[in-house]
């Protein structure tokens, strides 16, 4: 929460250039890009998809970035999980999905409100009541007619992402978990409410459905890019109620994804705490943070 407050107050840090392996990176042909994935050390599999996990050879510990239910309970660790942990991971609930489109936009999005033209991120939700209605529909498994849409145009802070007057823009809508329809027009319609004739400026478009997102990253089960429903109980105790939620119950295997505290966000704290858990198990005192 404090990080979010600082970002809203002082502005958010932005990586210069395109992070090609990140799901938020545009995939429309403004510039040729390649994706690189590195498998976990000690993992068996190819192309970054983990099929099995073994402790890393150096210290005998492995920190795994995986969704609790799909990654550990079913795909990677199987019967080696202690029964109570396996049951907890299997009960872990996933939340709504994202439906993402990447756009190459000539001249940028023609927002009717000038301030939106210089914003790195624009949230399109309407009134508080409209946002609540759309989110309730998604939570109930129904696709809203006017979904909540987040539009990202980071080129305003990093012009190197653009080619001439053609700019990369990506957006996603909140859709039901596992939604198998096409939300492209719903997203464009939502943008067009605030940027008339935006379709006339789009020169290339690609879409990623919830199934596409899960195929890209198996952590995104059903298109859930937050790696778990943020219910009150699951926000406080994820992925299970335990004194060390990062430990899986398998010696040397730890969980460090957004399925662990403090949850989703570009903060790195899930991995930080998981690493500290592994160091404590090894009898190594974690170093104090540099001041």
C-alpha atoms as a PDB file:
ATOM      1  CA  UNK A   1       0.000   0.000   0.000  1.00  0.00           C
ATOM      2  CA  UNK A   2       2.803   2.456   0.837  1.00  0.00           C
ATOM      3  CA  UNK A   3       4.466   1.736  -2.511  1.00  0.00           C
ATOM      4  CA  UNK A   4       1.201   2.363  -4.348  1.00  0.00           C
ATOM      5  CA  UNK A   5       0.681   5.623  -2.444  1.00  0.00           C
ATOM      6  CA  UNK A   6       4.191   6.805  -3.338  1.00  0.00           C
ATOM      7  CA  UNK A   7       3.712   5.885  -6.975  1.00  0.00           C
ATOM      8  CA  UNK A   8       0.448   7.782  -7.199  1.00  0.00           C
ATOM      9  CA  UNK A   9       1.980  10.794  -5.445  1.00  0.00           C
ATOM     10  CA  UNK A  10       5.462  10.982  -6.978  1.00  0.00           C
ATOM     11  CA  UNK A  11       5.078   9.031 -10.218  1.00  0.00           C
ATOM     12  CA  UNK A  12       5.961   5.479 -11.161  1.00  0.00           C
ATOM     13  CA  UNK A  13       9.361   4.221 -12.232  1.00  0.00           C
ATOM     14  CA  UNK A  14       9.429   3.048 -15.842  1.00  0.00           C
ATOM     15  CA  UNK A  15      11.867   0.711 -17.533  1.00  0.00           C
ATOM     16  CA  UNK A  16      13.429   2.389 -20.563  1.00  0.00           C
ATOM     17  CA  UNK A  17      13.074   0.338 -23.737  1.00  0.00           C
ATOM     18  CA  UNK A  18      10.947  -2.758 -24.180  1.00  0.00           C
ATOM     19  CA  UNK A  19      11.090  -5.597 -21.662  1.00  0.00           C
ATOM     20  CA  UNK A  20      10.518  -8.238 -24.307  1.00  0.00           C
ATOM     21  CA  UNK A  21       9.949 -11.150 -21.941  1.00  0.00           C
ATOM     22  CA  UNK A  22       7.304  -9.330 -19.899  1.00  0.00           C
ATOM     23  CA  UNK A  23       3.618 -10.024 -20.609  1.00  0.00           C
ATOM     24  CA  UNK A  24       2.993  -6.288 -20.604  1.00  0.00           C
ATOM     25  CA  UNK A  25       5.422  -5.715 -23.443  1.00  0.00           C
ATOM     26  CA  UNK A  26       3.669  -4.815 -26.707  1.00  0.00           C
ATOM     27  CA  UNK A  27       3.598  -7.593 -29.288  1.00  0.00           C
ATOM     28  CA  UNK A  28       2.370  -5.558 -32.259  1.00  0.00           C
ATOM     29  CA  UNK A  29       4.847  -4.941 -35.072  1.00  0.00           C
ATOM     30  CA  UNK A  30       6.171  -1.501 -34.192  1.00  0.00           C
ATOM     31  CA  UNK A  31       9.576  -3.109 -33.896  1.00  0.00           C
ATOM     32  CA  UNK A  32      10.913  -6.644 -34.164  1.00  0.00           C
ATOM     33  CA  UNK A  33      11.066  -8.258 -30.731  1.00  0.00           C
ATOM     34  CA  UNK A  34      12.017 -11.655 -29.421  1.00  0.00           C
ATOM     35  CA  UNK A  35      11.114 -13.303 -26.142  1.00  0.00           C
ATOM     36  CA  UNK A  36      13.676 -15.038 -23.967  1.00  0.00           C
ATOM     37  CA  UNK A  37      12.809 -17.387 -21.131  1.00  0.00           C
ATOM     38  CA  UNK A  38      15.159 -18.991 -18.658  1.00  0.00           C
ATOM     39  CA  UNK A  39      14.091 -22.242 -16.984  1.00  0.00           C
ATOM     40  CA  UNK A  40      14.547 -22.638 -13.256  1.00  0.00           C
ATOM     41  CA  UNK A  41      17.871 -24.087 -12.203  1.00  0.00           C
ATOM     42  CA  UNK A  42      17.349 -27.751 -11.430  1.00  0.00           C
ATOM     43  CA  UNK A  43      14.110 -27.875 -13.430  1.00  0.00           C
ATOM     44  CA  UNK A  44      13.386 -30.345 -16.175  1.00  0.00           C
ATOM     45  CA  UNK A  45      11.571 -28.963 -19.169  1.00  0.00           C
ATOM     46  CA  UNK A  46      12.038 -26.708 -22.161  1.00  0.00           C
ATOM     47  CA  UNK A  47      11.135 -23.205 -23.230  1.00  0.00           C
ATOM     48  CA  UNK A  48      10.664 -22.041 -19.650  1.00  0.00           C
ATOM     49  CA  UNK A  49       7.761 -24.415 -18.890  1.00  0.00           C
ATOM     50  CA  UNK A  50       8.624 -26.289 -15.711  1.00  0.00           C
ATOM     51  CA  UNK A  51       7.732 -29.957 -15.739  1.00  0.00           C
ATOM     52  CA  UNK A  52       9.443 -30.964 -12.511  1.00  0.00           C
ATOM     53  CA  UNK A  53      11.373 -29.226  -9.760  1.00  0.00           C
ATOM     54  CA  UNK A  54      14.456 -30.421  -7.936  1.00  0.00           C
ATOM     55  CA  UNK A  55      16.567 -28.504  -5.390  1.00  0.00           C
ATOM     56  CA  UNK A  56      19.338 -26.429  -6.957  1.00  0.00           C
ATOM     57  CA  UNK A  57      22.696 -28.231  -6.722  1.00  0.00           C
ATOM     58  CA  UNK A  58      24.690 -25.445  -5.039  1.00  0.00           C
ATOM     59  CA  UNK A  59      22.779 -25.060  -1.789  1.00  0.00           C
ATOM     60  CA  UNK A  60      20.133 -27.719  -2.136  1.00  0.00           C
ATOM     61  CA  UNK A  61      17.343 -25.128  -2.176  1.00  0.00           C
ATOM     62  CA  UNK A  62      15.002 -24.052  -5.007  1.00  0.00           C
ATOM     63  CA  UNK A  63      12.767 -20.997  -5.071  1.00  0.00           C
ATOM     64  CA  UNK A  64       9.936 -21.532  -7.534  1.00  0.00           C
ATOM     65  CA  UNK A  65       7.842 -18.846  -9.202  1.00  0.00           C
ATOM     66  CA  UNK A  66       4.576 -20.688  -9.710  1.00  0.00           C
ATOM     67  CA  UNK A  67       0.868 -20.464  -9.053  1.00  0.00           C
ATOM     68  CA  UNK A  68       0.011 -22.541  -6.016  1.00  0.00           C
ATOM     69  CA  UNK A  69      -2.628 -24.863  -7.465  1.00  0.00           C
ATOM     70  CA  UNK A  70      -1.525 -25.312 -11.048  1.00  0.00           C
ATOM     71  CA  UNK A  71       2.225 -25.245 -10.642  1.00  0.00           C
ATOM     72  CA  UNK A  72       2.885 -27.252  -7.511  1.00  0.00           C
ATOM     73  CA  UNK A  73      -0.193 -29.336  -6.768  1.00  0.00           C
ATOM     74  CA  UNK A  74      -0.613 -30.616 -10.310  1.00  0.00           C
ATOM     75  CA  UNK A  75       2.313 -29.905 -12.625  1.00  0.00           C
ATOM     76  CA  UNK A  76       5.613 -29.856 -10.824  1.00  0.00           C
ATOM     77  CA  UNK A  77       5.727 -31.527  -7.430  1.00  0.00           C
ATOM     78  CA  UNK A  78       2.821 -33.940  -7.525  1.00  0.00           C
ATOM     79  CA  UNK A  79       2.690 -36.593  -4.835  1.00  0.00           C
ATOM     80  CA  UNK A  80       5.744 -35.215  -3.027  1.00  0.00           C
ATOM     81  CA  UNK A  81       3.623 -32.465  -1.493  1.00  0.00           C
ATOM     82  CA  UNK A  82       2.455 -33.294   2.044  1.00  0.00           C
ATOM     83  CA  UNK A  83      -1.275 -34.059   1.982  1.00  0.00           C
ATOM     84  CA  UNK A  84      -2.370 -30.969   3.989  1.00  0.00           C
ATOM     85  CA  UNK A  85      -0.345 -28.660   1.729  1.00  0.00           C
ATOM     86  CA  UNK A  86      -1.664 -30.312  -1.397  1.00  0.00           C
ATOM     87  CA  UNK A  87      -5.233 -29.910  -0.169  1.00  0.00           C
ATOM     88  CA  UNK A  88      -4.611 -26.234   0.607  1.00  0.00           C
ATOM     89  CA  UNK A  89      -3.070 -25.592  -2.809  1.00  0.00           C
ATOM     90  CA  UNK A  90      -5.931 -27.392  -4.527  1.00  0.00           C
ATOM     91  CA  UNK A  91      -8.465 -25.228  -2.656  1.00  0.00           C
ATOM     92  CA  UNK A  92      -6.623 -22.044  -3.631  1.00  0.00           C
ATOM     93  CA  UNK A  93      -9.051 -19.868  -5.598  1.00  0.00           C
ATOM     94  CA  UNK A  94      -8.168 -17.968  -8.748  1.00  0.00           C
ATOM     95  CA  UNK A  95      -9.691 -14.659  -9.657  1.00  0.00           C
ATOM     96  CA  UNK A  96     -11.057 -12.932 -12.758  1.00  0.00           C
ATOM     97  CA  UNK A  97      -9.081 -12.948 -15.972  1.00  0.00           C
ATOM     98  CA  UNK A  98      -7.593 -10.359 -18.269  1.00  0.00           C
ATOM     99  CA  UNK A  99      -8.203 -10.042 -22.006  1.00  0.00           C
ATOM    100  CA  UNK A 100      -5.342  -8.098 -23.576  1.00  0.00           C
ATOM    101  CA  UNK A 101      -4.914  -6.326 -26.878  1.00  0.00           C
ATOM    102  CA  UNK A 102      -1.754  -4.752 -28.304  1.00  0.00           C
ATOM    103  CA  UNK A 103      -2.097  -1.873 -30.716  1.00  0.00           C
ATOM    104  CA  UNK A 104       0.099   0.080 -33.077  1.00  0.00           C
ATOM    105  CA  UNK A 105      -1.572   3.491 -33.127  1.00  0.00           C
ATOM    106  CA  UNK A 106      -0.783   6.179 -35.653  1.00  0.00           C
ATOM    107  CA  UNK A 107      -0.613   9.541 -33.942  1.00  0.00           C
ATOM    108  CA  UNK A 108      -1.476   8.030 -30.571  1.00  0.00           C
ATOM    109  CA  UNK A 109      -4.933   7.579 -29.100  1.00  0.00           C
ATOM    110  CA  UNK A 110      -7.108  10.646 -29.864  1.00  0.00           C
ATOM    111  CA  UNK A 111      -8.324  11.195 -26.324  1.00  0.00           C
ATOM    112  CA  UNK A 112     -11.021  13.831 -26.012  1.00  0.00           C
ATOM    113  CA  UNK A 113      -9.556  14.867 -22.636  1.00  0.00           C
ATOM    114  CA  UNK A 114      -6.145  16.434 -23.142  1.00  0.00           C
ATOM    115  CA  UNK A 115      -4.625  15.187 -19.871  1.00  0.00           C
ATOM    116  CA  UNK A 116      -5.075  11.574 -21.016  1.00  0.00           C
ATOM    117  CA  UNK A 117      -2.721  12.161 -23.947  1.00  0.00           C
ATOM    118  CA  UNK A 118       0.232  12.596 -21.586  1.00  0.00           C
ATOM    119  CA  UNK A 119      -0.710   9.858 -19.091  1.00  0.00           C
ATOM    120  CA  UNK A 120       1.265   6.619 -19.055  1.00  0.00           C
ATOM    121  CA  UNK A 121      -1.790   4.681 -17.848  1.00  0.00           C
ATOM    122  CA  UNK A 122      -5.468   5.511 -18.248  1.00  0.00           C
ATOM    123  CA  UNK A 123      -8.189   3.636 -16.341  1.00  0.00           C
ATOM    124  CA  UNK A 124     -11.574   3.516 -18.058  1.00  0.00           C
ATOM    125  CA  UNK A 125     -14.289   2.596 -15.607  1.00  0.00           C
ATOM    126  CA  UNK A 126     -16.919   5.324 -15.637  1.00  0.00           C
ATOM    127  CA  UNK A 127     -18.675   6.179 -12.400  1.00  0.00           C
ATOM    128  CA  UNK A 128     -18.158   4.278  -9.165  1.00  0.00           C
ATOM    129  CA  UNK A 129     -21.497   2.570  -9.714  1.00  0.00           C
ATOM    130  CA  UNK A 130     -20.538   1.526 -13.255  1.00  0.00           C
ATOM    131  CA  UNK A 131     -17.226   0.115 -12.028  1.00  0.00           C
ATOM    132  CA  UNK A 132     -19.003  -1.834  -9.284  1.00  0.00           C
ATOM    133  CA  UNK A 133     -21.563  -3.210 -11.742  1.00  0.00           C
ATOM    134  CA  UNK A 134     -18.887  -4.304 -14.223  1.00  0.00           C
ATOM    135  CA  UNK A 135     -16.732  -5.951 -11.556  1.00  0.00           C
ATOM    136  CA  UNK A 136     -19.755  -7.705 -10.022  1.00  0.00           C
ATOM    137  CA  UNK A 137     -20.654  -9.116 -13.407  1.00  0.00           C
ATOM    138  CA  UNK A 138     -17.110 -10.414 -13.917  1.00  0.00           C
ATOM    139  CA  UNK A 139     -17.039 -11.963 -10.444  1.00  0.00           C
ATOM    140  CA  UNK A 140     -20.342 -13.669 -11.247  1.00  0.00           C
ATOM    141  CA  UNK A 141     -18.948 -15.140 -14.467  1.00  0.00           C
ATOM    142  CA  UNK A 142     -20.717 -12.748 -16.844  1.00  0.00           C
ATOM    143  CA  UNK A 143     -19.008 -10.580 -19.448  1.00  0.00           C
ATOM    144  CA  UNK A 144     -20.035  -6.945 -18.846  1.00  0.00           C
ATOM    145  CA  UNK A 145     -21.127  -4.838 -21.796  1.00  0.00           C
ATOM    146  CA  UNK A 146     -18.805  -2.062 -20.626  1.00  0.00           C
ATOM    147  CA  UNK A 147     -15.866  -3.729 -18.868  1.00  0.00           C
ATOM    148  CA  UNK A 148     -13.269  -1.985 -16.770  1.00  0.00           C
ATOM    149  CA  UNK A 149     -10.346  -1.298 -19.127  1.00  0.00           C
ATOM    150  CA  UNK A 150      -6.777  -0.270 -18.381  1.00  0.00           C
ATOM    151  CA  UNK A 151      -4.887   1.445 -21.227  1.00  0.00           C
ATOM    152  CA  UNK A 152      -1.085   1.730 -21.177  1.00  0.00           C
ATOM    153  CA  UNK A 153       0.845   4.164 -23.359  1.00  0.00           C
ATOM    154  CA  UNK A 154       4.306   4.228 -21.785  1.00  0.00           C
ATOM    155  CA  UNK A 155       5.800   5.702 -24.928  1.00  0.00           C
ATOM    156  CA  UNK A 156       4.835   9.125 -23.552  1.00  0.00           C
ATOM    157  CA  UNK A 157       7.668   8.668 -21.026  1.00  0.00           C
ATOM    158  CA  UNK A 158       9.941   6.632 -23.308  1.00  0.00           C
ATOM    159  CA  UNK A 159       9.670   7.826 -26.931  1.00  0.00           C
ATOM    160  CA  UNK A 160      12.232   5.191 -27.988  1.00  0.00           C
ATOM    161  CA  UNK A 161       9.372   2.685 -27.970  1.00  0.00           C
ATOM    162  CA  UNK A 162       7.754   4.413 -30.943  1.00  0.00           C
ATOM    163  CA  UNK A 163       8.679   4.424 -34.610  1.00  0.00           C
ATOM    164  CA  UNK A 164       8.034   7.826 -36.113  1.00  0.00           C
ATOM    165  CA  UNK A 165       4.439   8.743 -35.372  1.00  0.00           C
ATOM    166  CA  UNK A 166       3.393   5.113 -34.739  1.00  0.00           C
ATOM    167  CA  UNK A 167       3.107   4.320 -31.058  1.00  0.00           C
ATOM    168  CA  UNK A 168       2.733   1.061 -29.088  1.00  0.00           C
ATOM    169  CA  UNK A 169      -0.334   0.916 -26.865  1.00  0.00           C
ATOM    170  CA  UNK A 170      -1.684  -2.028 -24.938  1.00  0.00           C
ATOM    171  CA  UNK A 171      -4.862  -2.456 -22.981  1.00  0.00           C
ATOM    172  CA  UNK A 172      -6.678  -5.126 -21.086  1.00  0.00           C
ATOM    173  CA  UNK A 173     -10.180  -5.626 -19.767  1.00  0.00           C
ATOM    174  CA  UNK A 174     -11.325  -7.446 -16.666  1.00  0.00           C
ATOM    175  CA  UNK A 175     -13.242 -10.500 -17.893  1.00  0.00           C
ATOM    176  CA  UNK A 176     -14.589 -13.643 -16.185  1.00  0.00           C
ATOM    177  CA  UNK A 177     -12.152 -16.376 -15.190  1.00  0.00           C
ATOM    178  CA  UNK A 178     -11.501 -18.619 -18.175  1.00  0.00           C
ATOM    179  CA  UNK A 179     -13.550 -16.401 -20.515  1.00  0.00           C
ATOM    180  CA  UNK A 180     -13.520 -17.982 -23.976  1.00  0.00           C
ATOM    181  CA  UNK A 181     -15.164 -15.191 -25.963  1.00  0.00           C
ATOM    182  CA  UNK A 182     -13.627 -12.315 -27.937  1.00  0.00           C
ATOM    183  CA  UNK A 183     -13.447  -9.075 -25.948  1.00  0.00           C
ATOM    184  CA  UNK A 184     -11.556  -7.081 -28.586  1.00  0.00           C
ATOM    185  CA  UNK A 185     -14.523  -5.006 -29.707  1.00  0.00           C
ATOM    186  CA  UNK A 186     -15.677  -4.456 -26.121  1.00  0.00           C
ATOM    187  CA  UNK A 187     -12.251  -3.007 -25.272  1.00  0.00           C
ATOM    188  CA  UNK A 188     -12.130  -0.817 -28.377  1.00  0.00           C
ATOM    189  CA  UNK A 189     -15.711   0.334 -27.772  1.00  0.00           C
ATOM    190  CA  UNK A 190     -14.747   1.313 -24.242  1.00  0.00           C
ATOM    191  CA  UNK A 191     -11.735   3.295 -25.460  1.00  0.00           C
ATOM    192  CA  UNK A 192     -13.829   4.913 -28.186  1.00  0.00           C
ATOM    193  CA  UNK A 193     -16.166   6.324 -25.543  1.00  0.00           C
ATOM    194  CA  UNK A 194     -13.297   8.588 -24.494  1.00  0.00           C
ATOM    195  CA  UNK A 195     -11.352   8.698 -27.766  1.00  0.00           C
ATOM    196  CA  UNK A 196     -13.770   9.007 -30.713  1.00  0.00           C
ATOM    197  CA  UNK A 197     -12.703   7.316 -33.961  1.00  0.00           C
ATOM    198  CA  UNK A 198      -9.784   5.550 -32.293  1.00  0.00           C
ATOM    199  CA  UNK A 199     -10.226   2.631 -34.699  1.00  0.00           C
ATOM    200  CA  UNK A 200      -9.217   4.929 -37.562  1.00  0.00           C
ATOM    201  CA  UNK A 201      -5.802   5.311 -35.915  1.00  0.00           C
ATOM    202  CA  UNK A 202      -5.125   1.604 -35.268  1.00  0.00           C
ATOM    203  CA  UNK A 203      -2.839   0.198 -37.968  1.00  0.00           C
ATOM    204  CA  UNK A 204      -2.094  -3.163 -36.317  1.00  0.00           C
ATOM    205  CA  UNK A 205      -3.686  -5.208 -33.541  1.00  0.00           C
ATOM    206  CA  UNK A 206      -3.105  -8.511 -31.783  1.00  0.00           C
ATOM    207  CA  UNK A 207      -5.168 -10.027 -28.968  1.00  0.00           C
ATOM    208  CA  UNK A 208      -4.443 -12.411 -26.117  1.00  0.00           C
ATOM    209  CA  UNK A 209      -7.372 -14.256 -24.586  1.00  0.00           C
ATOM    210  CA  UNK A 210      -7.257 -15.741 -21.073  1.00  0.00           C
ATOM    211  CA  UNK A 211      -6.255 -19.061 -22.654  1.00  0.00           C
ATOM    212  CA  UNK A 212      -3.459 -17.326 -24.574  1.00  0.00           C
ATOM    213  CA  UNK A 213      -2.200 -15.693 -21.388  1.00  0.00           C
ATOM    214  CA  UNK A 214      -2.150 -19.049 -19.601  1.00  0.00           C
ATOM    215  CA  UNK A 215      -0.315 -20.631 -22.538  1.00  0.00           C
ATOM    216  CA  UNK A 216       2.246 -17.806 -22.361  1.00  0.00           C
ATOM    217  CA  UNK A 217       2.668 -18.202 -18.611  1.00  0.00           C
ATOM    218  CA  UNK A 218       1.169 -21.236 -16.826  1.00  0.00           C
ATOM    219  CA  UNK A 219       0.964 -19.152 -13.640  1.00  0.00           C
ATOM    220  CA  UNK A 220      -1.926 -17.224 -15.238  1.00  0.00           C
ATOM    221  CA  UNK A 221      -4.470 -19.965 -14.637  1.00  0.00           C
ATOM    222  CA  UNK A 222      -7.672 -19.146 -16.489  1.00  0.00           C
ATOM    223  CA  UNK A 223      -6.161 -15.799 -17.464  1.00  0.00           C
ATOM    224  CA  UNK A 224      -5.780 -14.688 -13.829  1.00  0.00           C
ATOM    225  CA  UNK A 225      -2.713 -12.432 -14.075  1.00  0.00           C
ATOM    226  CA  UNK A 226      -2.792 -11.681 -10.328  1.00  0.00           C
ATOM    227  CA  UNK A 227      -2.189 -15.364  -9.485  1.00  0.00           C
ATOM    228  CA  UNK A 228      -5.113 -15.684  -7.120  1.00  0.00           C
ATOM    229  CA  UNK A 229      -8.395 -14.149  -6.045  1.00  0.00           C
ATOM    230  CA  UNK A 230      -7.951 -11.218  -3.678  1.00  0.00           C
ATOM    231  CA  UNK A 231     -10.674 -12.185  -1.235  1.00  0.00           C
ATOM    232  CA  UNK A 232     -10.144 -10.885   2.318  1.00  0.00           C
ATOM    233  CA  UNK A 233      -9.094 -14.275   3.669  1.00  0.00           C
ATOM    234  CA  UNK A 234      -6.887 -15.160   0.705  1.00  0.00           C
ATOM    235  CA  UNK A 235      -5.237 -11.753   0.703  1.00  0.00           C
ATOM    236  CA  UNK A 236      -4.260 -12.197   4.350  1.00  0.00           C
ATOM    237  CA  UNK A 237      -3.363 -15.890   4.152  1.00  0.00           C
ATOM    238  CA  UNK A 238      -2.019 -16.978   0.794  1.00  0.00           C
ATOM    239  CA  UNK A 239      -1.527 -19.588  -0.502  1.00  0.00           C
ATOM    240  CA  UNK A 240      -2.395 -21.278   2.814  1.00  0.00           C
ATOM    241  CA  UNK A 241      -2.567 -20.564   6.520  1.00  0.00           C
ATOM    242  CA  UNK A 242       0.976 -21.272   7.723  1.00  0.00           C
ATOM    243  CA  UNK A 243       3.752 -19.701   9.786  1.00  0.00           C
ATOM    244  CA  UNK A 244       5.945 -19.918   6.653  1.00  0.00           C
ATOM    245  CA  UNK A 245       3.723 -19.629   3.566  1.00  0.00           C
ATOM    246  CA  UNK A 246       6.766 -19.826   1.269  1.00  0.00           C
ATOM    247  CA  UNK A 247       7.722 -23.342   2.358  1.00  0.00           C
ATOM    248  CA  UNK A 248       5.985 -26.084   0.394  1.00  0.00           C
ATOM    249  CA  UNK A 249       6.601 -28.922   2.822  1.00  0.00           C
ATOM    250  CA  UNK A 250       9.078 -30.471   0.384  1.00  0.00           C
ATOM    251  CA  UNK A 251      12.658 -30.082   1.675  1.00  0.00           C
ATOM    252  CA  UNK A 252      14.478 -27.448  -0.364  1.00  0.00           C
ATOM    253  CA  UNK A 253      11.463 -26.241  -2.382  1.00  0.00           C
ATOM    254  CA  UNK A 254       9.974 -22.773  -1.768  1.00  0.00           C
ATOM    255  CA  UNK A 255       7.223 -20.809  -3.466  1.00  0.00           C
ATOM    256  CA  UNK A 256       7.902 -17.172  -4.411  1.00  0.00           C
ATOM    257  CA  UNK A 257       5.142 -16.201  -6.859  1.00  0.00           C
ATOM    258  CA  UNK A 258       2.301 -13.718  -6.371  1.00  0.00           C
ATOM    259  CA  UNK A 259       0.419 -16.625  -4.786  1.00  0.00           C
ATOM    260  CA  UNK A 260       2.471 -15.807  -1.663  1.00  0.00           C
ATOM    261  CA  UNK A 261       2.433 -12.675   0.532  1.00  0.00           C
ATOM    262  CA  UNK A 262       2.230  -9.799  -0.161  1.00  0.00           C
ATOM    263  CA  UNK A 263       0.559 -10.806  -3.439  1.00  0.00           C
ATOM    264  CA  UNK A 264       0.677  -9.395  -6.943  1.00  0.00           C
ATOM    265  CA  UNK A 265       2.651  -6.279  -7.813  1.00  0.00           C
ATOM    266  CA  UNK A 266       5.981  -5.283  -9.323  1.00  0.00           C
ATOM    267  CA  UNK A 267       7.696  -5.164  -5.937  1.00  0.00           C
ATOM    268  CA  UNK A 268       9.795  -8.335  -5.727  1.00  0.00           C
ATOM    269  CA  UNK A 269       8.832  -8.919  -2.104  1.00  0.00           C
ATOM    270  CA  UNK A 270       7.456 -12.437  -2.657  1.00  0.00           C
ATOM    271  CA  UNK A 271      10.868 -13.577  -3.867  1.00  0.00           C
ATOM    272  CA  UNK A 272      12.637 -11.557  -1.180  1.00  0.00           C
ATOM    273  CA  UNK A 273      10.702 -13.225   1.628  1.00  0.00           C
ATOM    274  CA  UNK A 274      10.975 -16.678   0.039  1.00  0.00           C
ATOM    275  CA  UNK A 275      14.750 -16.278  -0.222  1.00  0.00           C
ATOM    276  CA  UNK A 276      14.942 -15.255   3.429  1.00  0.00           C
ATOM    277  CA  UNK A 277      12.916 -18.341   4.339  1.00  0.00           C
ATOM    278  CA  UNK A 278      15.359 -20.548   2.430  1.00  0.00           C
ATOM    279  CA  UNK A 279      18.365 -18.856   4.056  1.00  0.00           C
ATOM    280  CA  UNK A 280      16.924 -19.381   7.526  1.00  0.00           C
ATOM    281  CA  UNK A 281      16.404 -23.058   6.757  1.00  0.00           C
ATOM    282  CA  UNK A 282      20.062 -23.287   5.725  1.00  0.00           C
ATOM    283  CA  UNK A 283      21.131 -21.607   8.930  1.00  0.00           C
ATOM    284  CA  UNK A 284      22.373 -18.526   7.080  1.00  0.00           C
ATOM    285  CA  UNK A 285      21.401 -15.163   8.537  1.00  0.00           C
ATOM    286  CA  UNK A 286      19.882 -12.917   5.837  1.00  0.00           C
ATOM    287  CA  UNK A 287      21.853  -9.732   5.334  1.00  0.00           C
ATOM    288  CA  UNK A 288      20.352  -6.524   6.595  1.00  0.00           C
ATOM    289  CA  UNK A 289      19.176  -4.169   3.886  1.00  0.00           C
ATOM    290  CA  UNK A 290      21.741  -1.544   2.877  1.00  0.00           C
ATOM    291  CA  UNK A 291      20.901   1.937   4.098  1.00  0.00           C
END
